[in-house]
Protein backbone atom coordinates (compact mmCIF):
# COMPACT_ATOMS: atom_id res chain seq x y z
CA MET A 1 0.02 0.00 0.02
CA GLU A 2 2.89 2.44 0.80
CA ALA A 3 4.38 1.62 -2.64
CA THR A 4 0.66 2.36 -4.03
CA TYR A 5 0.89 5.73 -2.20
CA HIS A 6 4.24 6.93 -3.57
CA VAL A 7 3.47 5.68 -7.35
CA LEU A 8 0.19 7.47 -7.07
CA CYS A 9 1.39 10.76 -5.73
CA GLU A 10 4.44 10.73 -8.23
CA GLU A 11 3.25 9.46 -11.36
CA GLY A 12 -0.57 9.98 -10.97
CA TYR A 13 -3.04 7.62 -12.00
CA ALA A 14 -1.88 7.15 -15.84
CA GLY A 15 1.62 6.16 -14.17
CA LEU A 16 0.06 3.70 -11.85
CA THR A 17 1.02 0.32 -13.09
CA MET A 18 1.57 -2.95 -11.21
CA ARG A 19 5.00 -2.77 -12.68
CA ALA A 20 5.65 0.57 -11.12
CA ILE A 21 4.45 -0.46 -7.91
CA ALA A 22 6.54 -3.59 -7.80
CA ALA A 23 9.44 -1.58 -8.47
CA GLU A 24 8.84 0.72 -5.76
CA ALA A 25 8.00 -2.02 -3.36
CA GLY A 26 11.18 -3.71 -4.29
CA THR A 27 9.10 -6.95 -5.43
CA SER A 28 7.97 -8.75 -8.29
CA LYS A 29 4.87 -8.09 -10.31
CA SER A 30 3.90 -11.37 -10.16
CA LEU A 31 3.68 -11.31 -6.10
CA ILE A 32 1.44 -8.12 -6.36
CA HIS A 33 -0.86 -10.21 -8.85
CA TYR A 34 -0.86 -13.19 -6.39
CA HIS A 35 -2.90 -10.89 -3.96
CA PHE A 36 -4.52 -8.34 -6.36
CA ASP A 37 -5.78 -9.44 -9.92
CA THR A 38 -5.88 -6.08 -11.36
CA LYS A 39 -4.94 -2.57 -10.56
CA GLU A 40 -8.59 -1.45 -9.73
CA GLU A 41 -8.56 -4.39 -7.00
CA LEU A 42 -5.45 -3.04 -5.54
CA LEU A 43 -6.75 0.55 -5.70
CA LEU A 44 -10.21 -0.40 -3.99
CA THR A 45 -7.69 -1.87 -1.14
CA PHE A 46 -6.12 1.41 -1.00
CA LEU A 47 -9.25 3.42 -0.59
CA GLU A 48 -10.44 1.13 2.13
CA ARG A 49 -7.21 1.81 3.87
CA PHE A 50 -7.26 5.43 3.04
CA LEU A 51 -10.78 5.55 4.70
CA ASP A 52 -9.28 3.38 7.69
CA ARG A 53 -6.69 6.28 8.27
CA LEU A 54 -9.56 9.17 7.84
CA ASP A 55 -11.78 7.41 10.55
CA GLU A 56 -8.66 7.62 12.77
CA TRP A 57 -8.04 11.48 11.91
CA LEU A 58 -11.53 11.98 12.49
CA VAL A 59 -11.33 10.45 16.17
CA GLU A 60 -8.16 12.39 16.74
CA ILE A 61 -10.15 15.77 16.10
CA GLU A 62 -13.13 14.71 18.59
CA SER A 63 -10.55 13.91 21.34
CA GLU A 64 -8.71 17.05 21.02
CA THR A 65 -11.45 18.95 22.63
CA ASP A 66 -15.24 19.10 23.69
CA ASP A 67 -15.57 22.60 22.28
CA PRO A 68 -17.42 22.30 19.07
CA GLU A 69 -16.16 25.63 18.02
CA ALA A 70 -12.36 24.48 18.56
CA ARG A 71 -13.36 21.24 16.78
CA LEU A 72 -14.76 22.87 13.66
CA LEU A 73 -11.53 24.94 13.54
CA ALA A 74 -9.22 22.02 13.96
CA PHE A 75 -11.40 20.04 11.29
CA VAL A 76 -10.99 23.16 8.83
CA ASP A 77 -7.23 23.37 9.59
CA ARG A 78 -6.51 19.94 9.02
CA PHE A 79 -8.39 19.86 5.86
CA VAL A 80 -6.09 22.26 4.39
CA VAL A 81 -3.11 21.56 2.33
CA GLN A 82 -0.66 24.25 2.99
CA PRO A 83 1.51 25.54 -0.01
CA ALA A 84 4.79 24.20 1.27
CA ASP A 85 3.39 20.70 2.06
CA ALA A 86 4.54 19.02 -1.33
CA ASP A 87 3.58 15.52 -0.18
CA ARG A 88 0.38 16.27 1.00
CA GLN A 89 -0.30 18.39 -2.34
CA ALA A 90 0.58 15.27 -4.30
CA PHE A 91 -1.44 12.96 -2.41
CA TRP A 92 -4.50 15.22 -3.16
CA ARG A 93 -3.46 15.62 -6.73
CA ALA A 94 -3.75 11.64 -6.71
CA VAL A 95 -7.05 11.68 -4.95
CA LEU A 96 -8.45 14.18 -7.16
CA GLU A 97 -7.41 11.82 -10.44
CA LEU A 98 -9.05 8.81 -8.47
CA ARG A 99 -12.15 11.02 -8.13
CA LEU A 100 -12.06 11.45 -11.94
CA GLN A 101 -11.95 7.70 -12.48
CA ALA A 102 -14.98 7.51 -10.38
CA ALA A 103 -16.98 9.32 -13.06
CA HIS A 104 -16.62 6.10 -15.13
CA GLN A 105 -15.96 3.51 -12.71
CA GLU A 106 -18.72 2.55 -10.37
CA VAL A 107 -16.60 0.71 -7.72
CA PHE A 108 -14.38 3.78 -7.50
CA ARG A 109 -17.45 5.96 -7.03
CA GLU A 110 -18.70 3.61 -4.23
CA GLN A 111 -15.52 3.77 -2.12
CA LEU A 112 -15.15 7.60 -2.60
CA LYS A 113 -18.78 8.08 -1.79
CA ALA A 114 -18.34 6.50 1.40
CA ASN A 115 -15.30 8.41 2.12
CA ASN A 116 -17.01 11.75 1.51
CA ASP A 117 -19.99 10.71 3.47
CA ALA A 118 -17.57 9.92 6.48
CA ILE A 119 -16.48 13.55 6.26
CA ARG A 120 -19.33 15.17 5.68
CA SER A 121 -21.23 13.12 8.55
CA ALA A 122 -18.27 14.15 10.83
CA LEU A 123 -18.40 17.70 10.18
CA ALA A 124 -22.10 17.86 10.58
CA SER A 125 -21.77 16.11 13.61
CA ILE A 126 -19.44 18.59 15.18
CA VAL A 127 -21.93 21.41 14.00
CA ALA A 128 -25.11 19.51 15.46
CA ASP A 129 -22.90 19.27 18.49
CA GLY A 130 -22.37 23.00 18.68
CA ILE A 131 -26.07 23.74 18.03
CA GLU A 132 -27.03 21.29 20.88
CA ASP A 133 -24.68 23.06 23.66
CA GLU A 134 -25.63 26.44 22.34
CA THR A 135 -21.89 27.51 21.06
CA PHE A 136 -23.47 27.67 17.54
CA ARG A 137 -26.99 29.18 16.73
CA GLU A 138 -29.48 27.26 14.77
CA VAL A 139 -28.35 26.00 11.31
CA ASP A 140 -28.86 23.14 9.15
CA PRO A 141 -25.70 20.86 10.10
CA GLU A 142 -25.91 19.01 6.98
CA ARG A 143 -26.15 21.99 4.42
CA THR A 144 -23.27 23.57 6.66
CA ALA A 145 -21.09 20.64 6.40
CA ASP A 146 -21.78 20.80 2.44
CA LEU A 147 -20.77 24.58 2.17
CA VAL A 148 -17.88 24.14 4.26
CA LEU A 149 -16.58 21.06 2.51
CA ASP A 150 -17.65 22.10 -1.20
CA ALA A 151 -15.41 25.49 -0.43
CA LEU A 152 -12.37 23.65 0.81
CA GLU A 153 -12.51 20.92 -1.51
CA GLY A 154 -13.02 23.54 -4.38
CA ALA A 155 -10.00 25.27 -3.44
CA ARG A 156 -7.84 22.43 -2.97
CA THR A 157 -9.06 21.29 -6.62
CA ARG A 158 -8.00 24.75 -8.00
CA GLN A 159 -4.71 24.71 -6.05
CA ALA A 160 -3.80 21.32 -7.67
CA THR A 161 -5.07 21.92 -10.99
CA LEU A 162 -4.68 25.83 -11.54
CA GLY A 163 -2.91 27.47 -8.77
CA PRO A 164 -2.64 29.56 -6.98
CA GLU A 165 -0.82 27.79 -4.21
CA GLU A 166 -2.52 29.74 -1.59
CA ALA A 167 -5.85 28.95 -2.55
CA PRO A 168 -6.82 26.49 0.12
CA LEU A 169 -5.66 29.16 2.97
CA THR A 170 -7.74 31.70 1.25
CA ALA A 171 -10.78 29.52 1.39
CA ARG A 172 -9.83 28.66 5.03
CA GLU A 173 -10.12 32.21 6.10
CA ALA A 174 -13.36 32.63 3.96
CA VAL A 175 -14.75 29.75 5.58
CA ARG A 176 -13.71 31.08 9.25
CA GLU A 177 -15.29 34.42 8.35
CA HIS A 178 -18.31 33.78 6.43
CA VAL A 179 -19.62 30.39 8.06
CA ILE A 180 -17.90 29.84 11.62
CA ASP A 181 -17.93 33.28 12.88
CA ASP A 182 -21.56 33.68 11.39
CA ILE A 183 -22.74 30.63 13.24
CA VAL A 184 -21.13 31.13 16.68
CA ARG A 185 -23.63 32.81 19.11
CA GLU A 186 -22.39 36.06 20.43
């Protein structure tokens, strides 16, 4: 899985071959085929493991503080890819390429949808917790989660495809100013 990650980040989906993964892993292509019949099967396992890591990441945010505003800010901050973080930028470009494959391959779409649903659900839960303890004013948690994630993902996509490098930072500040500050009770 580590070799798949590295090849995906360095070469993108088009350069992701069993031969390239085997070379990166220092093993044979036949050994990889022993475990995975196709590249798509390997990528589905990769995405499942990514979803497991995402679950751990979401639990980390939950365990850092009980304060919904602080959790929401931590969520947004962790979701932003810093311009200097070349590794995370490469990873998100690779995820973007996998998302493009999902437009034509149902198996990728299902796995990526599960990933997306988990992120949105966690964010909506933070907003709902803030409403319940009166940190946040009454808003629709799901729609708020959609707005925040769409803004951050759009900025990340723009960063990965068109630039500018600071697009996620700008989006983070806009989300803080126009969403988070707006829902926090005075």
